[in-house]
């Protein structure tokens, strides 16, 4: 958890001194949209494998949104979403939103991640109508994908970690080269299917009109 610019150690010492309560259930959290700077900073504190993510690398995408799980003024988890880095390699990639980072404080209650995924799905579905599916990559060396499985996501495959650097462009050193599991979740029909359905309904309507 964190509040303002104070450190976790400072906040914990204050909590102990003041007898402050730590949440015991994820249902106590308010899941809210937060600014990208706070999300990236807290990801740096809590993410076990990918602590580094530049805020400018998030907001320059077609879509970007960040969430936090807040209790009694303090944040206990953050999630960073944006249009996929490799959207041009995906079918309906422009309709996708990638969960780029998901970091949870060590003293957050069990099932915090599942609770956040459930609420974030509803918010994104409401606020970003041209997103029809989610994608996320899980580091197989340290996670098993339980949170995605419990939230209804589908495991579609695994791929060895690769470097984004090439001969013409050298990128920063990768934070993890572990095999990644790819998880997806469809939150609404692809937009092309919706358009086809609407056109079909219109044709049926017009066909029933006698001129």
N, C-alpha and C. Protein backbone atom coordinates (compact mmCIF):
# COMPACT_ATOMS: atom_id res chain seq x y z
N UNK A 1 0.84 -1.19 0.00
CA UNK A 1 0.00 0.00 0.00
C UNK A 1 0.87 1.24 0.00
N UNK A 2 0.32 2.35 -0.42
CA UNK A 2 1.07 3.60 -0.38
C UNK A 2 0.09 4.76 -0.45
N UNK A 3 0.49 5.87 0.12
CA UNK A 3 -0.34 7.07 0.07
C UNK A 3 0.58 8.25 -0.20
N UNK A 4 0.25 9.04 -1.20
CA UNK A 4 1.09 10.19 -1.52
C UNK A 4 2.48 9.74 -1.91
N UNK A 5 3.51 10.39 -1.38
CA UNK A 5 4.89 10.05 -1.69
C UNK A 5 5.59 9.30 -0.57
N UNK A 6 4.86 8.88 0.43
CA UNK A 6 5.47 8.18 1.55
C UNK A 6 5.84 6.77 1.16
N UNK A 7 6.85 6.22 1.83
CA UNK A 7 7.29 4.87 1.53
C UNK A 7 6.42 3.86 2.26
N UNK A 8 6.51 2.59 1.83
CA UNK A 8 5.74 1.54 2.49
C UNK A 8 6.15 1.41 3.95
N UNK A 9 7.47 1.47 4.21
CA UNK A 9 7.94 1.34 5.58
C UNK A 9 7.40 2.46 6.46
N UNK A 10 7.40 3.70 5.93
CA UNK A 10 6.89 4.83 6.70
C UNK A 10 5.41 4.65 6.99
N UNK A 11 4.66 4.23 5.98
CA UNK A 11 3.22 4.07 6.16
C UNK A 11 2.91 2.95 7.13
N UNK A 12 3.67 1.85 7.06
CA UNK A 12 3.44 0.74 7.97
C UNK A 12 3.72 1.14 9.41
N UNK A 13 4.80 1.90 9.61
CA UNK A 13 5.12 2.32 10.97
C UNK A 13 4.05 3.24 11.52
N UNK A 14 3.50 4.10 10.65
CA UNK A 14 2.43 4.98 11.09
C UNK A 14 1.17 4.19 11.40
N UNK A 15 0.90 3.15 10.58
CA UNK A 15 -0.27 2.33 10.81
C UNK A 15 -0.18 1.63 12.16
N UNK A 16 0.99 1.06 12.44
CA UNK A 16 1.18 0.35 13.70
C UNK A 16 1.02 1.29 14.87
N UNK A 17 1.60 2.48 14.75
CA UNK A 17 1.53 3.46 15.84
C UNK A 17 0.11 3.94 16.06
N UNK A 18 -0.63 4.11 14.97
CA UNK A 18 -2.00 4.63 15.07
C UNK A 18 -3.05 3.53 15.22
N UNK A 19 -2.62 2.27 15.12
CA UNK A 19 -3.57 1.18 15.21
C UNK A 19 -4.47 1.10 13.99
N UNK A 20 -3.98 1.60 12.83
CA UNK A 20 -4.78 1.62 11.62
C UNK A 20 -5.08 0.23 11.11
N UNK A 21 -6.20 0.08 10.44
CA UNK A 21 -6.62 -1.22 9.95
C UNK A 21 -6.09 -1.49 8.56
N UNK A 22 -5.66 -2.73 8.33
CA UNK A 22 -5.26 -3.19 7.00
C UNK A 22 -6.43 -3.99 6.45
N UNK A 23 -6.81 -3.82 5.19
CA UNK A 23 -7.97 -4.54 4.65
C UNK A 23 -7.79 -6.05 4.73
N UNK A 24 -8.85 -6.75 5.05
CA UNK A 24 -8.82 -8.20 5.16
C UNK A 24 -9.58 -8.87 4.01
N UNK A 25 -10.28 -8.08 3.22
CA UNK A 25 -11.04 -8.61 2.09
C UNK A 25 -10.91 -7.68 0.90
N UNK A 26 -10.78 -8.22 -0.32
CA UNK A 26 -10.70 -7.36 -1.51
C UNK A 26 -11.98 -6.57 -1.75
N UNK A 27 -13.08 -7.00 -1.14
CA UNK A 27 -14.34 -6.28 -1.31
C UNK A 27 -14.31 -4.93 -0.60
N UNK A 28 -13.33 -4.73 0.25
CA UNK A 28 -13.19 -3.44 0.95
C UNK A 28 -12.56 -2.38 0.06
N UNK A 29 -11.99 -2.79 -1.07
CA UNK A 29 -11.30 -1.84 -1.93
C UNK A 29 -12.26 -1.04 -2.80
N UNK A 30 -11.86 0.19 -3.07
CA UNK A 30 -12.47 0.98 -4.12
C UNK A 30 -11.54 0.86 -5.33
N UNK A 31 -12.02 0.26 -6.40
CA UNK A 31 -11.21 0.11 -7.61
C UNK A 31 -11.46 1.33 -8.48
N UNK A 32 -10.44 2.13 -8.69
CA UNK A 32 -10.62 3.41 -9.38
C UNK A 32 -9.54 3.67 -10.41
N UNK A 33 -9.85 4.53 -11.35
CA UNK A 33 -8.87 4.96 -12.35
C UNK A 33 -7.89 5.92 -11.68
N UNK A 34 -6.59 5.71 -11.91
CA UNK A 34 -5.56 6.57 -11.31
C UNK A 34 -4.64 7.09 -12.41
N UNK A 35 -3.78 8.04 -12.07
CA UNK A 35 -2.90 8.62 -13.07
C UNK A 35 -1.74 7.67 -13.38
N UNK A 36 -1.21 7.78 -14.57
CA UNK A 36 -0.19 6.86 -15.05
C UNK A 36 1.11 6.98 -14.26
N UNK A 37 1.45 8.18 -13.77
CA UNK A 37 2.69 8.36 -13.02
C UNK A 37 2.65 7.57 -11.72
N UNK A 38 1.55 7.64 -11.00
CA UNK A 38 1.41 6.88 -9.76
C UNK A 38 1.45 5.38 -10.04
N UNK A 39 0.76 4.95 -11.09
CA UNK A 39 0.73 3.53 -11.42
C UNK A 39 2.12 3.00 -11.75
N UNK A 40 2.88 3.75 -12.54
CA UNK A 40 4.23 3.30 -12.91
C UNK A 40 5.17 3.29 -11.70
N UNK A 41 5.01 4.28 -10.83
CA UNK A 41 5.88 4.36 -9.64
C UNK A 41 5.62 3.18 -8.71
N UNK A 42 4.37 2.85 -8.48
CA UNK A 42 4.05 1.75 -7.58
C UNK A 42 4.35 0.40 -8.21
N UNK A 43 4.22 0.31 -9.52
CA UNK A 43 4.64 -0.91 -10.20
C UNK A 43 6.12 -1.17 -9.95
N UNK A 44 6.91 -0.10 -9.93
CA UNK A 44 8.33 -0.22 -9.66
C UNK A 44 8.63 -0.76 -8.28
N UNK A 45 7.74 -0.50 -7.32
CA UNK A 45 7.93 -0.99 -5.95
C UNK A 45 7.47 -2.43 -5.78
N UNK A 46 6.43 -2.81 -6.48
CA UNK A 46 5.76 -4.08 -6.18
C UNK A 46 5.93 -5.18 -7.20
N UNK A 47 6.22 -4.87 -8.47
CA UNK A 47 6.26 -5.92 -9.48
C UNK A 47 7.51 -6.78 -9.29
N UNK A 48 7.30 -8.10 -9.26
CA UNK A 48 8.41 -9.02 -8.96
C UNK A 48 9.36 -9.22 -10.14
N UNK A 49 8.90 -9.02 -11.37
CA UNK A 49 9.73 -9.31 -12.54
C UNK A 49 9.92 -8.14 -13.49
N UNK A 50 8.90 -7.29 -13.60
CA UNK A 50 8.94 -6.20 -14.58
C UNK A 50 8.67 -4.86 -13.90
N UNK A 51 9.59 -4.43 -13.05
CA UNK A 51 9.34 -3.19 -12.31
C UNK A 51 9.44 -1.91 -13.14
N UNK A 52 10.13 -1.98 -14.26
CA UNK A 52 10.37 -0.77 -15.05
C UNK A 52 9.36 -0.66 -16.18
N UNK A 53 8.66 0.46 -16.22
CA UNK A 53 7.82 0.80 -17.36
C UNK A 53 7.71 2.33 -17.40
N UNK A 54 8.05 2.90 -18.51
CA UNK A 54 8.04 4.36 -18.65
C UNK A 54 6.61 4.84 -18.93
N UNK A 55 6.18 5.86 -18.21
CA UNK A 55 4.82 6.36 -18.39
C UNK A 55 4.56 6.80 -19.83
N UNK A 56 5.58 7.37 -20.47
CA UNK A 56 5.41 7.84 -21.85
C UNK A 56 5.20 6.67 -22.81
N UNK A 57 5.69 5.51 -22.42
CA UNK A 57 5.52 4.30 -23.22
C UNK A 57 4.11 3.75 -23.12
N UNK A 58 3.36 4.25 -22.15
CA UNK A 58 1.99 3.82 -21.93
C UNK A 58 1.02 4.75 -22.65
N UNK A 59 1.17 6.05 -22.40
CA UNK A 59 0.17 7.01 -22.88
C UNK A 59 0.27 7.32 -24.37
N UNK A 60 1.36 6.94 -25.01
CA UNK A 60 1.49 7.24 -26.44
C UNK A 60 0.65 6.30 -27.31
N UNK A 61 0.05 5.29 -26.70
CA UNK A 61 -0.74 4.32 -27.44
C UNK A 61 -2.14 4.84 -27.73
N UNK A 62 -2.86 4.12 -28.59
CA UNK A 62 -4.21 4.51 -28.96
C UNK A 62 -5.11 4.60 -27.73
N UNK A 63 -5.02 3.61 -26.87
CA UNK A 63 -5.77 3.60 -25.61
C UNK A 63 -4.81 3.35 -24.45
N UNK A 64 -5.09 3.96 -23.32
CA UNK A 64 -4.31 3.71 -22.10
C UNK A 64 -5.17 4.06 -20.90
N UNK A 65 -5.13 3.18 -19.90
CA UNK A 65 -5.89 3.43 -18.68
C UNK A 65 -5.21 2.69 -17.53
N UNK A 66 -5.18 3.31 -16.35
CA UNK A 66 -4.54 2.71 -15.18
C UNK A 66 -5.53 2.67 -14.03
N UNK A 67 -5.40 1.63 -13.20
CA UNK A 67 -6.30 1.44 -12.08
C UNK A 67 -5.52 1.24 -10.79
N UNK A 68 -6.20 1.55 -9.68
CA UNK A 68 -5.63 1.28 -8.37
C UNK A 68 -6.70 0.72 -7.44
N UNK A 69 -6.27 -0.09 -6.49
CA UNK A 69 -7.17 -0.61 -5.46
C UNK A 69 -6.89 0.18 -4.19
N UNK A 70 -7.87 0.98 -3.77
CA UNK A 70 -7.66 1.90 -2.66
C UNK A 70 -8.51 1.52 -1.45
N UNK A 71 -7.89 1.64 -0.28
CA UNK A 71 -8.60 1.42 0.98
C UNK A 71 -8.12 2.44 2.00
N UNK A 72 -9.05 3.17 2.56
CA UNK A 72 -8.72 4.14 3.60
C UNK A 72 -7.65 5.13 3.13
N UNK A 73 -7.72 5.49 1.86
CA UNK A 73 -6.78 6.47 1.31
C UNK A 73 -5.50 5.89 0.74
N UNK A 74 -5.24 4.61 0.98
CA UNK A 74 -3.99 3.99 0.55
C UNK A 74 -4.22 3.06 -0.64
N UNK A 75 -3.22 2.98 -1.51
CA UNK A 75 -3.26 2.07 -2.64
C UNK A 75 -2.55 0.76 -2.31
N UNK A 76 -3.16 -0.36 -2.69
CA UNK A 76 -2.61 -1.68 -2.41
C UNK A 76 -2.30 -2.48 -3.68
N UNK A 77 -2.71 -1.96 -4.82
CA UNK A 77 -2.45 -2.65 -6.09
C UNK A 77 -2.65 -1.67 -7.24
N UNK A 78 -1.92 -1.90 -8.34
CA UNK A 78 -2.08 -1.07 -9.53
C UNK A 78 -2.07 -1.95 -10.77
N UNK A 79 -2.75 -1.48 -11.79
CA UNK A 79 -2.78 -2.17 -13.08
C UNK A 79 -2.63 -1.14 -14.19
N UNK A 80 -1.82 -1.48 -15.18
CA UNK A 80 -1.53 -0.58 -16.29
C UNK A 80 -1.95 -1.25 -17.60
N UNK A 81 -2.87 -0.62 -18.31
CA UNK A 81 -3.38 -1.14 -19.57
C UNK A 81 -3.05 -0.17 -20.71
N UNK A 82 -2.83 -0.73 -21.89
CA UNK A 82 -2.71 0.10 -23.08
C UNK A 82 -2.99 -0.76 -24.30
N UNK A 83 -3.12 -0.12 -25.43
CA UNK A 83 -3.20 -0.88 -26.67
C UNK A 83 -1.95 -1.76 -26.77
N UNK A 84 -2.07 -2.97 -27.31
CA UNK A 84 -0.93 -3.90 -27.33
C UNK A 84 0.28 -3.35 -28.05
N UNK A 85 1.44 -3.70 -27.53
CA UNK A 85 2.70 -3.31 -28.16
C UNK A 85 2.79 -3.92 -29.55
N UNK A 86 2.30 -5.16 -29.71
CA UNK A 86 2.36 -5.86 -30.99
C UNK A 86 0.98 -5.96 -31.64
N UNK A 87 0.20 -4.90 -31.56
CA UNK A 87 -1.17 -4.92 -32.10
C UNK A 87 -1.21 -5.24 -33.59
N UNK A 88 -0.19 -4.78 -34.32
CA UNK A 88 -0.17 -5.00 -35.77
C UNK A 88 0.06 -6.45 -36.15
N UNK A 89 0.43 -7.29 -35.18
CA UNK A 89 0.66 -8.71 -35.44
C UNK A 89 -0.54 -9.56 -35.00
N UNK A 90 -1.58 -8.92 -34.48
CA UNK A 90 -2.72 -9.65 -33.94
C UNK A 90 -3.95 -9.48 -34.82
N UNK A 91 -4.79 -10.51 -34.86
CA UNK A 91 -6.08 -10.38 -35.51
C UNK A 91 -6.95 -9.47 -34.66
N UNK A 92 -7.55 -8.48 -35.28
CA UNK A 92 -8.33 -7.47 -34.55
C UNK A 92 -7.51 -6.79 -33.45
N UNK A 93 -6.23 -6.57 -33.75
CA UNK A 93 -5.33 -5.97 -32.77
C UNK A 93 -5.74 -4.58 -32.34
N UNK A 94 -6.39 -3.83 -33.24
CA UNK A 94 -6.82 -2.48 -32.88
C UNK A 94 -7.97 -2.48 -31.88
N UNK A 95 -8.62 -3.64 -31.72
CA UNK A 95 -9.73 -3.75 -30.78
C UNK A 95 -9.28 -4.33 -29.44
N UNK A 96 -7.97 -4.56 -29.30
CA UNK A 96 -7.45 -5.20 -28.10
C UNK A 96 -6.93 -4.19 -27.09
N UNK A 97 -6.92 -4.59 -25.84
CA UNK A 97 -6.29 -3.82 -24.77
C UNK A 97 -5.43 -4.80 -23.98
N UNK A 98 -4.17 -4.43 -23.78
CA UNK A 98 -3.23 -5.32 -23.10
C UNK A 98 -3.01 -4.89 -21.65
N UNK A 99 -3.09 -5.86 -20.76
CA UNK A 99 -2.74 -5.63 -19.37
C UNK A 99 -1.22 -5.70 -19.29
N UNK A 100 -0.58 -4.53 -19.31
CA UNK A 100 0.88 -4.45 -19.42
C UNK A 100 1.58 -4.77 -18.10
N UNK A 101 1.00 -4.29 -17.02
CA UNK A 101 1.58 -4.54 -15.69
C UNK A 101 0.45 -4.70 -14.68
N UNK A 102 0.68 -5.57 -13.70
CA UNK A 102 -0.28 -5.81 -12.63
C UNK A 102 0.54 -6.07 -11.38
N UNK A 103 0.57 -5.12 -10.47
CA UNK A 103 1.43 -5.22 -9.29
C UNK A 103 0.61 -5.04 -8.01
N UNK A 104 0.81 -5.95 -7.05
CA UNK A 104 0.02 -5.98 -5.83
C UNK A 104 0.95 -5.90 -4.62
N UNK A 105 0.61 -5.05 -3.67
CA UNK A 105 1.42 -4.89 -2.45
C UNK A 105 1.44 -6.20 -1.66
N UNK A 106 2.54 -6.47 -0.97
CA UNK A 106 2.66 -7.74 -0.23
C UNK A 106 1.64 -7.92 0.89
N UNK A 107 1.08 -6.82 1.40
CA UNK A 107 0.11 -6.94 2.49
C UNK A 107 -1.34 -6.81 2.02
N UNK A 108 -1.56 -6.89 0.71
CA UNK A 108 -2.92 -6.87 0.19
C UNK A 108 -3.59 -8.22 0.48
N UNK A 109 -4.89 -8.23 0.71
CA UNK A 109 -5.57 -9.49 1.02
C UNK A 109 -5.64 -10.43 -0.17
N UNK A 110 -5.87 -11.70 0.11
CA UNK A 110 -6.00 -12.72 -0.93
C UNK A 110 -7.15 -12.36 -1.87
N UNK A 111 -6.98 -12.70 -3.13
CA UNK A 111 -7.97 -12.47 -4.18
C UNK A 111 -8.12 -11.01 -4.59
N UNK A 112 -7.15 -10.18 -4.21
CA UNK A 112 -7.16 -8.78 -4.66
C UNK A 112 -7.11 -8.71 -6.18
N UNK A 113 -6.28 -9.53 -6.79
CA UNK A 113 -6.14 -9.51 -8.24
C UNK A 113 -7.43 -9.87 -8.96
N UNK A 114 -8.11 -10.91 -8.50
CA UNK A 114 -9.36 -11.34 -9.13
C UNK A 114 -10.43 -10.26 -9.02
N UNK A 115 -10.49 -9.62 -7.86
CA UNK A 115 -11.47 -8.55 -7.65
C UNK A 115 -11.19 -7.39 -8.61
N UNK A 116 -9.92 -7.02 -8.76
CA UNK A 116 -9.57 -5.93 -9.66
C UNK A 116 -9.91 -6.27 -11.11
N UNK A 117 -9.57 -7.49 -11.53
CA UNK A 117 -9.86 -7.88 -12.91
C UNK A 117 -11.35 -7.80 -13.22
N UNK A 118 -12.17 -8.20 -12.27
CA UNK A 118 -13.61 -8.17 -12.46
C UNK A 118 -14.13 -6.75 -12.64
N UNK A 119 -13.67 -5.84 -11.79
CA UNK A 119 -14.13 -4.45 -11.86
C UNK A 119 -13.56 -3.75 -13.08
N UNK A 120 -12.28 -3.97 -13.36
CA UNK A 120 -11.64 -3.31 -14.50
C UNK A 120 -12.33 -3.70 -15.81
N UNK A 121 -12.72 -4.96 -15.92
CA UNK A 121 -13.42 -5.41 -17.12
C UNK A 121 -14.69 -4.58 -17.34
N UNK A 122 -15.46 -4.37 -16.29
CA UNK A 122 -16.71 -3.62 -16.41
C UNK A 122 -16.46 -2.16 -16.78
N UNK A 123 -15.44 -1.56 -16.16
CA UNK A 123 -15.13 -0.15 -16.42
C UNK A 123 -14.65 0.04 -17.85
N UNK A 124 -13.73 -0.81 -18.28
CA UNK A 124 -13.18 -0.68 -19.64
C UNK A 124 -14.27 -0.93 -20.68
N UNK A 125 -15.10 -1.92 -20.43
CA UNK A 125 -16.18 -2.23 -21.37
C UNK A 125 -17.12 -1.04 -21.52
N UNK A 126 -17.32 -0.29 -20.45
CA UNK A 126 -18.20 0.86 -20.47
C UNK A 126 -17.53 2.10 -21.06
N UNK A 127 -16.26 2.32 -20.73
CA UNK A 127 -15.58 3.56 -21.10
C UNK A 127 -14.87 3.50 -22.45
N UNK A 128 -14.51 2.30 -22.91
CA UNK A 128 -13.78 2.19 -24.18
C UNK A 128 -14.55 1.23 -25.08
N UNK A 129 -15.59 1.72 -25.76
CA UNK A 129 -16.48 0.84 -26.52
C UNK A 129 -15.86 0.16 -27.73
N UNK A 130 -14.72 0.65 -28.22
CA UNK A 130 -14.12 0.00 -29.39
C UNK A 130 -13.08 -1.06 -29.00
N UNK A 131 -13.02 -1.41 -27.72
CA UNK A 131 -12.19 -2.54 -27.27
C UNK A 131 -13.10 -3.76 -27.12
N UNK A 132 -12.73 -4.85 -27.79
CA UNK A 132 -13.57 -6.06 -27.73
C UNK A 132 -12.90 -7.23 -27.03
N UNK A 133 -11.57 -7.13 -26.80
CA UNK A 133 -10.92 -8.24 -26.11
C UNK A 133 -9.65 -7.78 -25.40
N UNK A 134 -9.24 -8.60 -24.42
CA UNK A 134 -8.04 -8.33 -23.61
C UNK A 134 -6.97 -9.37 -23.91
N UNK A 135 -5.71 -8.96 -23.70
CA UNK A 135 -4.59 -9.88 -23.79
C UNK A 135 -3.60 -9.55 -22.67
N UNK A 136 -2.95 -10.57 -22.15
CA UNK A 136 -1.93 -10.35 -21.12
C UNK A 136 -0.92 -11.49 -21.19
N UNK A 137 0.32 -11.19 -20.80
CA UNK A 137 1.39 -12.18 -20.86
C UNK A 137 1.90 -12.48 -19.45
N UNK A 138 1.92 -13.75 -19.12
CA UNK A 138 2.31 -14.19 -17.78
C UNK A 138 3.71 -14.81 -17.80
N UNK A 139 4.55 -14.40 -16.88
CA UNK A 139 5.90 -14.95 -16.74
C UNK A 139 5.79 -16.34 -16.10
N UNK A 140 6.12 -17.39 -16.85
CA UNK A 140 5.91 -18.75 -16.37
C UNK A 140 6.92 -19.18 -15.30
N UNK A 141 8.00 -18.41 -15.12
CA UNK A 141 8.99 -18.79 -14.11
C UNK A 141 8.54 -18.45 -12.69
N UNK A 142 7.63 -17.49 -12.56
CA UNK A 142 7.24 -17.06 -11.21
C UNK A 142 5.73 -17.08 -10.97
N UNK A 143 4.93 -17.25 -12.03
CA UNK A 143 3.47 -17.26 -11.86
C UNK A 143 2.87 -18.46 -12.60
N UNK A 144 1.70 -18.87 -12.14
CA UNK A 144 1.04 -20.04 -12.73
C UNK A 144 -0.21 -19.68 -13.53
N UNK A 145 -0.62 -18.41 -13.49
CA UNK A 145 -1.79 -18.00 -14.25
C UNK A 145 -3.11 -18.23 -13.54
N UNK A 146 -3.05 -18.54 -12.25
CA UNK A 146 -4.26 -18.83 -11.48
C UNK A 146 -5.26 -17.67 -11.53
N UNK A 147 -4.75 -16.46 -11.42
CA UNK A 147 -5.63 -15.28 -11.38
C UNK A 147 -6.41 -15.14 -12.68
N UNK A 148 -5.77 -15.41 -13.83
CA UNK A 148 -6.47 -15.32 -15.11
C UNK A 148 -7.49 -16.44 -15.25
N UNK A 149 -7.08 -17.66 -14.89
CA UNK A 149 -7.97 -18.80 -15.00
C UNK A 149 -9.22 -18.58 -14.16
N UNK A 150 -9.04 -18.06 -12.94
CA UNK A 150 -10.17 -17.84 -12.04
C UNK A 150 -11.10 -16.75 -12.56
N UNK A 151 -10.57 -15.87 -13.41
CA UNK A 151 -11.37 -14.75 -13.92
C UNK A 151 -11.94 -15.01 -15.30
N UNK A 152 -11.81 -16.25 -15.79
CA UNK A 152 -12.43 -16.61 -17.05
C UNK A 152 -11.61 -16.38 -18.30
N UNK A 153 -10.33 -16.02 -18.14
CA UNK A 153 -9.47 -15.82 -19.31
C UNK A 153 -9.09 -17.19 -19.89
N UNK A 154 -8.69 -17.19 -21.16
CA UNK A 154 -8.31 -18.41 -21.85
C UNK A 154 -6.81 -18.40 -22.17
N UNK A 155 -6.13 -19.49 -21.84
CA UNK A 155 -4.73 -19.65 -22.19
C UNK A 155 -4.65 -20.07 -23.65
N UNK A 156 -4.02 -19.26 -24.48
CA UNK A 156 -4.00 -19.54 -25.92
C UNK A 156 -2.63 -20.03 -26.41
N UNK A 157 -1.61 -19.99 -25.54
CA UNK A 157 -0.31 -20.50 -25.97
C UNK A 157 0.83 -19.95 -25.14
N UNK A 158 2.03 -20.46 -25.43
CA UNK A 158 3.24 -20.00 -24.76
C UNK A 158 4.31 -19.71 -25.80
N UNK A 159 5.19 -18.79 -25.48
CA UNK A 159 6.28 -18.44 -26.40
C UNK A 159 7.52 -18.07 -25.59
N UNK A 160 8.66 -18.44 -26.11
CA UNK A 160 9.92 -18.11 -25.46
C UNK A 160 10.13 -16.60 -25.48
N UNK A 161 10.77 -16.09 -24.45
CA UNK A 161 11.05 -14.66 -24.40
C UNK A 161 11.99 -14.26 -25.53
N UNK A 162 11.72 -13.12 -26.13
CA UNK A 162 12.55 -12.63 -27.23
C UNK A 162 12.96 -11.19 -26.96
N UNK A 163 14.04 -10.80 -27.57
CA UNK A 163 14.52 -9.43 -27.42
C UNK A 163 13.87 -8.54 -28.47
N UNK A 164 13.54 -7.31 -28.07
CA UNK A 164 12.97 -6.34 -29.00
C UNK A 164 14.07 -5.60 -29.77
N UNK A 165 15.32 -5.85 -29.41
CA UNK A 165 16.44 -5.21 -30.11
C UNK A 165 16.72 -5.92 -31.43
N UNK A 166 17.21 -5.16 -32.39
CA UNK A 166 17.64 -5.73 -33.66
C UNK A 166 18.85 -4.94 -34.16
N UNK A 167 19.33 -5.28 -35.34
CA UNK A 167 20.53 -4.64 -35.85
C UNK A 167 20.35 -3.14 -36.06
N UNK A 168 19.16 -2.75 -36.43
CA UNK A 168 18.92 -1.33 -36.73
C UNK A 168 18.48 -0.53 -35.51
N UNK A 169 18.03 -1.23 -34.45
CA UNK A 169 17.56 -0.51 -33.27
C UNK A 169 17.85 -1.31 -32.01
N UNK A 170 18.68 -0.75 -31.15
CA UNK A 170 19.03 -1.41 -29.90
C UNK A 170 18.15 -0.88 -28.78
N UNK A 171 17.40 -1.77 -28.14
CA UNK A 171 16.51 -1.38 -27.05
C UNK A 171 17.20 -1.60 -25.71
N UNK A 172 16.54 -1.16 -24.62
CA UNK A 172 17.05 -1.43 -23.29
C UNK A 172 17.06 -2.94 -23.02
N UNK A 173 17.93 -3.38 -22.14
CA UNK A 173 18.03 -4.80 -21.81
C UNK A 173 16.70 -5.29 -21.23
N UNK A 174 16.27 -6.48 -21.66
CA UNK A 174 15.00 -7.04 -21.20
C UNK A 174 15.06 -7.35 -19.70
N UNK A 175 13.96 -7.10 -19.01
CA UNK A 175 13.89 -7.39 -17.58
C UNK A 175 13.69 -8.88 -17.31
N UNK A 176 13.09 -9.58 -18.27
CA UNK A 176 12.89 -11.02 -18.13
C UNK A 176 12.85 -11.64 -19.52
N UNK A 177 13.55 -12.77 -19.67
CA UNK A 177 13.54 -13.51 -20.93
C UNK A 177 12.84 -14.86 -20.75
N UNK A 178 12.06 -14.98 -19.70
CA UNK A 178 11.36 -16.23 -19.41
C UNK A 178 10.27 -16.50 -20.45
N UNK A 179 9.88 -17.76 -20.57
CA UNK A 179 8.76 -18.12 -21.42
C UNK A 179 7.49 -17.42 -20.92
N UNK A 180 6.73 -16.88 -21.85
CA UNK A 180 5.50 -16.14 -21.50
C UNK A 180 4.27 -16.93 -21.95
N UNK A 181 3.30 -17.01 -21.06
CA UNK A 181 2.01 -17.60 -21.40
C UNK A 181 1.09 -16.46 -21.82
N UNK A 182 0.38 -16.67 -22.92
CA UNK A 182 -0.52 -15.63 -23.42
C UNK A 182 -1.97 -15.96 -23.05
N UNK A 183 -2.60 -15.01 -22.36
CA UNK A 183 -3.99 -15.17 -21.93
C UNK A 183 -4.86 -14.14 -22.64
N UNK A 184 -6.07 -14.55 -23.00
CA UNK A 184 -6.99 -13.64 -23.68
C UNK A 184 -8.39 -13.73 -23.07
N UNK A 185 -9.13 -12.65 -23.20
CA UNK A 185 -10.52 -12.62 -22.73
C UNK A 185 -11.35 -11.78 -23.69
N UNK A 186 -12.38 -12.37 -24.25
CA UNK A 186 -13.30 -11.65 -25.14
C UNK A 186 -14.36 -10.98 -24.27
N UNK A 187 -14.49 -9.66 -24.37
CA UNK A 187 -15.46 -8.96 -23.52
C UNK A 187 -16.71 -8.53 -24.27
N UNK A 188 -16.66 -8.61 -25.60
CA UNK A 188 -17.83 -8.35 -26.44
C UNK A 188 -17.51 -8.91 -27.83
N UNK A 189 -18.52 -9.12 -28.67
CA UNK A 189 -18.23 -9.62 -30.03
C UNK A 189 -17.31 -8.66 -30.77
N UNK A 190 -16.45 -9.18 -31.64
CA UNK A 190 -15.62 -8.28 -32.47
C UNK A 190 -16.50 -7.28 -33.18
N UNK A 191 -16.02 -6.06 -33.33
CA UNK A 191 -16.84 -5.00 -33.90
C UNK A 191 -17.31 -5.32 -35.31
N UNK A 192 -16.51 -6.06 -36.07
CA UNK A 192 -16.93 -6.42 -37.43
C UNK A 192 -18.18 -7.30 -37.38
N UNK A 193 -18.27 -8.17 -36.38
CA UNK A 193 -19.45 -9.03 -36.25
C UNK A 193 -20.68 -8.22 -35.87
N UNK A 194 -20.47 -7.21 -35.02
CA UNK A 194 -21.58 -6.34 -34.63
C UNK A 194 -22.12 -5.59 -35.83
N UNK A 195 -21.21 -5.07 -36.68
CA UNK A 195 -21.62 -4.34 -37.88
C UNK A 195 -22.38 -5.25 -38.81
N UNK A 196 -21.89 -6.49 -39.00
CA UNK A 196 -22.57 -7.44 -39.89
C UNK A 196 -23.97 -7.76 -39.37
N UNK A 197 -24.09 -7.92 -38.05
CA UNK A 197 -25.38 -8.22 -37.46
C UNK A 197 -26.35 -7.07 -37.67
N UNK A 198 -25.86 -5.84 -37.48
CA UNK A 198 -26.71 -4.66 -37.68
C UNK A 198 -27.17 -4.55 -39.13
N UNK A 199 -26.27 -4.80 -40.06
CA UNK A 199 -26.61 -4.73 -41.48
C UNK A 199 -27.63 -5.80 -41.84
N UNK A 200 -27.45 -6.99 -41.27
CA UNK A 200 -28.38 -8.08 -41.53
C UNK A 200 -29.77 -7.74 -41.02
N UNK A 201 -29.83 -7.16 -39.82
CA UNK A 201 -31.12 -6.76 -39.25
C UNK A 201 -31.79 -5.70 -40.11
N UNK A 202 -30.99 -4.77 -40.62
CA UNK A 202 -31.54 -3.70 -41.47
C UNK A 202 -32.07 -4.28 -42.77
N UNK A 203 -31.35 -5.26 -43.34
CA UNK A 203 -31.82 -5.87 -44.58
C UNK A 203 -33.13 -6.62 -44.36
N UNK A 204 -33.22 -7.31 -43.23
CA UNK A 204 -34.46 -8.01 -42.92
C UNK A 204 -35.62 -7.03 -42.75
N UNK A 205 -35.30 -5.89 -42.12
CA UNK A 205 -36.33 -4.88 -41.91
C UNK A 205 -36.82 -4.31 -43.23
N UNK A 206 -35.86 -3.95 -44.10
CA UNK A 206 -36.21 -3.38 -45.39
C UNK A 206 -36.96 -4.40 -46.25
N UNK A 207 -36.58 -5.68 -46.11
CA UNK A 207 -37.22 -6.72 -46.90
C UNK A 207 -38.68 -6.93 -46.53
N UNK A 208 -39.04 -6.51 -45.32
CA UNK A 208 -40.42 -6.71 -44.87
C UNK A 208 -41.33 -5.55 -45.24
N UNK A 209 -40.73 -4.50 -45.79
CA UNK A 209 -41.52 -3.31 -46.14
C UNK A 209 -42.01 -3.44 -47.59
N UNK A 210 -43.29 -3.28 -47.79
CA UNK A 210 -43.87 -3.33 -49.13
C UNK A 210 -43.98 -1.92 -49.70
N UNK A 211 -43.37 -1.72 -50.85
CA UNK A 211 -43.38 -0.39 -51.47
C UNK A 211 -44.51 -0.28 -52.48
